[in-house]
C-alpha atoms as a PDB file:
ATOM      1  CA  MET A   1     163.488 232.554 202.541  1.00  0.00           C
ATOM      2  CA  GLU A   2     162.185 233.487 199.155  1.00  0.00           C
ATOM      3  CA  THR A   3     159.974 231.410 196.695  1.00  0.00           C
ATOM      4  CA  SER A   4     158.594 231.898 193.742  1.00  0.00           C
ATOM      5  CA  PRO A   5     154.780 233.156 193.551  1.00  0.00           C
ATOM      6  CA  SER A   6     152.238 230.540 192.481  1.00  0.00           C
ATOM      7  CA  PRO A   7     150.461 231.071 189.516  1.00  0.00           C
ATOM      8  CA  GLU A   8     147.653 232.410 191.170  1.00  0.00           C
ATOM      9  CA  GLU A   9     149.918 235.123 193.234  1.00  0.00           C
ATOM     10  CA  ALA A  10     151.628 235.997 189.696  1.00  0.00           C
ATOM     11  CA  ALA A  11     148.397 236.775 187.455  1.00  0.00           C
ATOM     12  CA  PRO A  12     147.174 240.229 187.673  1.00  0.00           C
ATOM     13  CA  LEU A  13     144.643 241.201 190.441  1.00  0.00           C
ATOM     14  CA  PHE A  14     141.633 242.449 187.641  1.00  0.00           C
ATOM     15  CA  SER A  15     142.336 238.553 185.706  1.00  0.00           C
ATOM     16  CA  LEU A  16     139.600 235.988 185.839  1.00  0.00           C
ATOM     17  CA  ARG A  17     141.970 233.934 188.045  1.00  0.00           C
ATOM     18  CA  ARG A  18     141.790 236.189 190.807  1.00  0.00           C
ATOM     19  CA  ALA A  19     138.394 237.650 190.744  1.00  0.00           C
ATOM     20  CA  ASP A  20     137.477 236.721 193.986  1.00  0.00           C
ATOM     21  CA  GLU A  21     140.529 239.154 195.243  1.00  0.00           C
ATOM     22  CA  ALA A  22     139.251 241.973 192.991  1.00  0.00           C
ATOM     23  CA  VAL A  23     135.991 241.673 194.631  1.00  0.00           C
ATOM     24  CA  GLY A  24     137.186 241.785 197.952  1.00  0.00           C
ATOM     25  CA  VAL A  25     139.169 244.746 197.102  1.00  0.00           C
ATOM     26  CA  ALA A  26     136.701 246.330 195.749  1.00  0.00           C
ATOM     27  CA  ALA A  27     134.284 245.547 198.332  1.00  0.00           C
ATOM     28  CA  LEU A  28     136.756 246.843 201.184  1.00  0.00           C
ATOM     29  CA  LEU A  29     137.418 250.273 199.396  1.00  0.00           C
ATOM     30  CA  VAL A  30     133.568 250.492 199.111  1.00  0.00           C
ATOM     31  CA  ILE A  31     133.172 250.037 203.152  1.00  0.00           C
ATOM     32  CA  VAL A  32     136.093 252.603 203.902  1.00  0.00           C
ATOM     33  CA  PHE A  33     134.547 255.148 201.686  1.00  0.00           C
ATOM     34  CA  SER A  34     131.013 254.408 202.617  1.00  0.00           C
ATOM     35  CA  ILE A  35     131.949 254.530 206.014  1.00  0.00           C
ATOM     36  CA  LEU A  36     134.062 257.819 205.915  1.00  0.00           C
ATOM     37  CA  TRP A  37     131.539 259.265 203.816  1.00  0.00           C
ATOM     38  CA  GLY A  38     128.863 258.589 206.472  1.00  0.00           C
ATOM     39  CA  VAL A  39     130.953 260.395 209.512  1.00  0.00           C
ATOM     40  CA  VAL A  40     131.837 263.365 207.162  1.00  0.00           C
ATOM     41  CA  SER A  41     127.919 263.402 206.377  1.00  0.00           C
ATOM     42  CA  ARG A  42     127.152 263.559 209.751  1.00  0.00           C
ATOM     43  CA  TYR A  43     129.583 266.274 210.875  1.00  0.00           C
ATOM     44  CA  ILE A  44     129.629 268.330 207.924  1.00  0.00           C
ATOM     45  CA  PHE A  45     126.016 268.487 206.610  1.00  0.00           C
ATOM     46  CA  PRO A  46     122.450 268.948 208.121  1.00  0.00           C
ATOM     47  CA  GLN A  47     121.386 265.616 207.210  1.00  0.00           C
ATOM     48  CA  PRO A  48     123.548 262.641 207.706  1.00  0.00           C
ATOM     49  CA  ALA A  49     123.604 260.083 204.561  1.00  0.00           C
ATOM     50  CA  ALA A  50     121.647 257.169 205.928  1.00  0.00           C
ATOM     51  CA  TRP A  51     122.361 254.951 203.068  1.00  0.00           C
ATOM     52  CA  THR A  52     126.212 254.411 203.887  1.00  0.00           C
ATOM     53  CA  TYR A  53     125.549 252.105 206.771  1.00  0.00           C
ATOM     54  CA  GLU A  54     123.513 249.634 204.224  1.00  0.00           C
ATOM     55  CA  LEU A  55     126.173 249.837 201.573  1.00  0.00           C
ATOM     56  CA  ALA A  56     129.170 248.998 204.234  1.00  0.00           C
ATOM     57  CA  ILE A  57     127.137 245.956 205.717  1.00  0.00           C
ATOM     58  CA  MET A  58     126.430 244.657 202.326  1.00  0.00           C
ATOM     59  CA  ALA A  59     130.146 245.326 201.111  1.00  0.00           C
ATOM     60  CA  PHE A  60     131.420 243.268 204.160  1.00  0.00           C
ATOM     61  CA  ALA A  61     128.989 240.425 203.407  1.00  0.00           C
ATOM     62  CA  TYR A  62     130.931 240.454 200.011  1.00  0.00           C
ATOM     63  CA  LEU A  63     134.186 240.986 201.285  1.00  0.00           C
ATOM     64  CA  VAL A  64     133.757 237.923 204.086  1.00  0.00           C
ATOM     65  CA  PHE A  65     132.519 235.396 201.501  1.00  0.00           C
ATOM     66  CA  PHE A  66     134.623 236.376 198.478  1.00  0.00           C
ATOM     67  CA  GLY A  67     137.806 236.515 200.703  1.00  0.00           C
ATOM     68  CA  ALA A  68     137.016 232.919 201.739  1.00  0.00           C
ATOM     69  CA  VAL A  69     136.721 231.925 198.303  1.00  0.00           C
ATOM     70  CA  ALA A  70     140.583 233.513 197.836  1.00  0.00           C
ATOM     71  CA  GLY A  71     140.951 231.356 201.393  1.00  0.00           C
ATOM     72  CA  VAL A  72     140.132 228.073 200.144  1.00  0.00           C
ATOM     73  CA  ARG A  73     141.859 228.848 196.299  1.00  0.00           C
ATOM     74  CA  LEU A  74     145.067 229.674 198.425  1.00  0.00           C
ATOM     75  CA  GLY A  75     144.846 227.077 201.079  1.00  0.00           C
ATOM     76  CA  THR A  76     145.623 230.248 203.405  1.00  0.00           C
ATOM     77  CA  HIS A  77     142.664 228.779 205.978  1.00  0.00           C
ATOM     78  CA  ALA A  78     143.865 227.622 209.651  1.00  0.00           C
ATOM     79  CA  ALA A  79     144.610 223.813 209.591  1.00  0.00           C
ATOM     80  CA  ILE A  80     145.251 222.468 213.051  1.00  0.00           C
ATOM     81  CA  ASP A  81     145.663 218.814 212.337  1.00  0.00           C
ATOM     82  CA  VAL A  82     147.809 217.642 215.476  1.00  0.00           C
ATOM     83  CA  ILE A  83     145.391 214.690 216.582  1.00  0.00           C
ATOM     84  CA  VAL A  84     144.708 213.493 213.129  1.00  0.00           C
ATOM     85  CA  ALA A  85     148.650 213.446 212.353  1.00  0.00           C
ATOM     86  CA  ALA A  86     149.418 211.382 215.135  1.00  0.00           C
ATOM     87  CA  LEU A  87     146.788 208.835 214.193  1.00  0.00           C
ATOM     88  CA  PRO A  88     147.686 205.730 211.758  1.00  0.00           C
ATOM     89  CA  SER A  89     147.633 206.643 208.082  1.00  0.00           C
ATOM     90  CA  GLY A  90     144.308 204.886 207.256  1.00  0.00           C
ATOM     91  CA  TRP A  91     142.855 206.729 209.832  1.00  0.00           C
ATOM     92  CA  GLN A  92     144.175 210.066 208.475  1.00  0.00           C
ATOM     93  CA  GLN A  93     143.227 208.997 204.831  1.00  0.00           C
ATOM     94  CA  ALA A  94     139.795 208.243 206.357  1.00  0.00           C
ATOM     95  CA  ILE A  95     139.450 211.689 207.975  1.00  0.00           C
ATOM     96  CA  ALA A  96     140.484 213.729 205.013  1.00  0.00           C
ATOM     97  CA  TRP A  97     138.045 212.054 202.664  1.00  0.00           C
ATOM     98  CA  PHE A  98     135.475 212.816 205.533  1.00  0.00           C
ATOM     99  CA  ASN A  99     136.626 216.334 205.599  1.00  0.00           C
ATOM    100  CA  TYR A 100     136.571 216.603 201.870  1.00  0.00           C
ATOM    101  CA  LEU A 101     133.021 215.382 201.412  1.00  0.00           C
ATOM    102  CA  LEU A 102     131.561 217.368 204.204  1.00  0.00           C
ATOM    103  CA  LEU A 103     133.397 220.614 203.164  1.00  0.00           C
ATOM    104  CA  ALA A 104     131.690 220.131 199.574  1.00  0.00           C
ATOM    105  CA  LEU A 105     128.574 219.248 200.822  1.00  0.00           C
ATOM    106  CA  PHE A 106     128.771 222.476 203.331  1.00  0.00           C
ATOM    107  CA  PHE A 107     129.530 224.591 200.425  1.00  0.00           C
ATOM    108  CA  ILE A 108     126.609 222.833 198.318  1.00  0.00           C
ATOM    109  CA  VAL A 109     124.122 223.627 200.971  1.00  0.00           C
ATOM    110  CA  MET A 110     125.388 227.256 201.812  1.00  0.00           C
ATOM    111  CA  THR A 111     125.080 228.102 197.824  1.00  0.00           C
ATOM    112  CA  VAL A 112     121.512 226.337 197.705  1.00  0.00           C
ATOM    113  CA  LEU A 113     120.216 228.458 200.801  1.00  0.00           C
ATOM    114  CA  PHE A 114     121.564 231.499 199.860  1.00  0.00           C
ATOM    115  CA  GLY A 115     120.576 230.955 196.314  1.00  0.00           C
ATOM    116  CA  TRP A 116     116.753 230.208 197.904  1.00  0.00           C
ATOM    117  CA  GLN A 117     117.134 233.250 200.056  1.00  0.00           C
ATOM    118  CA  ALA A 118     118.237 235.652 196.760  1.00  0.00           C
ATOM    119  CA  TRP A 119     114.951 234.410 195.125  1.00  0.00           C
ATOM    120  CA  THR A 120     112.507 234.750 198.160  1.00  0.00           C
ATOM    121  CA  SER A 121     113.909 238.029 198.763  1.00  0.00           C
ATOM    122  CA  ARG A 122     114.017 239.421 195.287  1.00  0.00           C
ATOM    123  CA  HIS A 123     110.661 241.759 195.948  1.00  0.00           C
ATOM    124  CA  VAL A 124     111.885 242.667 199.718  1.00  0.00           C
ATOM    125  CA  HIS A 125     113.893 246.024 199.457  1.00  0.00           C
ATOM    126  CA  THR A 126     116.225 247.617 201.747  1.00  0.00           C
ATOM    127  CA  ILE A 127     114.913 250.649 203.575  1.00  0.00           C
ATOM    128  CA  ALA A 128     117.830 253.691 202.787  1.00  0.00           C
ATOM    129  CA  MET A 129     118.967 252.872 199.368  1.00  0.00           C
ATOM    130  CA  ASP A 130     115.674 250.634 197.939  1.00  0.00           C
ATOM    131  CA  LEU A 131     117.599 247.811 196.899  1.00  0.00           C
ATOM    132  CA  SER A 132     116.552 244.397 196.068  1.00  0.00           C
ATOM    133  CA  ARG A 133     117.683 242.215 199.003  1.00  0.00           C
ATOM    134  CA  SER A 134     118.714 239.502 196.335  1.00  0.00           C
ATOM    135  CA  LEU A 135     121.661 241.730 195.731  1.00  0.00           C
ATOM    136  CA  SER A 136     122.894 240.956 199.284  1.00  0.00           C
ATOM    137  CA  TYR A 137     122.174 237.467 198.855  1.00  0.00           C
ATOM    138  CA  GLY A 138     122.819 236.476 195.352  1.00  0.00           C
ATOM    139  CA  PRO A 139     126.623 237.004 195.468  1.00  0.00           C
ATOM    140  CA  LEU A 140     127.042 235.096 198.624  1.00  0.00           C
ATOM    141  CA  ALA A 141     125.015 232.240 196.848  1.00  0.00           C
ATOM    142  CA  LEU A 142     127.952 232.758 193.902  1.00  0.00           C
ATOM    143  CA  ALA A 143     130.557 232.761 196.687  1.00  0.00           C
ATOM    144  CA  SER A 144     129.212 229.634 198.027  1.00  0.00           C
ATOM    145  CA  ALA A 145     129.308 227.882 194.763  1.00  0.00           C
ATOM    146  CA  GLY A 146     133.044 229.554 194.245  1.00  0.00           C
ATOM    147  CA  MET A 147     134.005 227.900 197.264  1.00  0.00           C
ATOM    148  CA  PHE A 148     132.644 224.611 196.180  1.00  0.00           C
ATOM    149  CA  LEU A 149     134.591 224.685 193.119  1.00  0.00           C
ATOM    150  CA  GLN A 150     137.841 225.849 194.464  1.00  0.00           C
ATOM    151  CA  HIS A 151     137.599 223.127 197.141  1.00  0.00           C
ATOM    152  CA  LEU A 152     137.199 220.542 194.245  1.00  0.00           C
ATOM    153  CA  ILE A 153     140.262 221.939 192.359  1.00  0.00           C
ATOM    154  CA  VAL A 154     142.543 222.504 195.631  1.00  0.00           C
ATOM    155  CA  GLU A 155     141.566 219.747 197.958  1.00  0.00           C
ATOM    156  CA  ARG A 156     142.650 216.224 196.824  1.00  0.00           C
ATOM    157  CA  PRO A 157     142.422 213.469 199.440  1.00  0.00           C
ATOM    158  CA  TRP A 158     143.732 210.942 197.134  1.00  0.00           C
ATOM    159  CA  THR A 159     146.897 212.702 197.149  1.00  0.00           C
ATOM    160  CA  GLU A 160     149.548 213.631 200.149  1.00  0.00           C
ATOM    161  CA  ARG A 161     148.243 217.041 201.108  1.00  0.00           C
ATOM    162  CA  LEU A 162     150.813 219.616 200.837  1.00  0.00           C
ATOM    163  CA  HIS A 163     149.925 223.155 202.625  1.00  0.00           C
ATOM    164  CA  ARG A 164     150.960 225.993 200.011  1.00  0.00           C
ATOM    165  CA  ASN A 165     151.065 228.652 202.710  1.00  0.00           C
ATOM    166  CA  VAL A 166     153.071 227.228 205.797  1.00  0.00           C
ATOM    167  CA  GLU A 167     152.582 230.416 207.469  1.00  0.00           C
ATOM    168  CA  SER A 168     148.732 229.582 207.996  1.00  0.00           C
ATOM    169  CA  LEU A 169     149.226 226.439 209.985  1.00  0.00           C
ATOM    170  CA  ILE A 170     149.031 226.887 213.490  1.00  0.00           C
END
């Protein structure tokens, strides 16, 4: 069964609407090429490139967090709601509001903690690349704020919940 793509899926990858996915794609490319260069340099050159491991770890964190922003935006996170669906309507609504507020609080706390970590580690540098640790934590704070904003936009407990991507349901 073919369905028409949503406005998010129809927008080009390098647009503001899908910036989270573009960061994820760029991070994946950095991971692949840095690990590839690390392997090649280990076997071809007398001194292997030590910076490839640090770069891959940093890019992997970007991939996970900005991918999570896209997951919240597209509604592709797993939803196991068998027990909640068996409850009366009033309980389902109460649980929906509880989840909505709990996740909003969680995303705010993550944003604050990563922002604080970025601020406190701004003078701490990585070993191989000599980059500030705030380059590791700052974008994670930005991604957590993005998850919060997408959560506020997408999840609406005051309306009936419609899963946009049925394939993501367990």
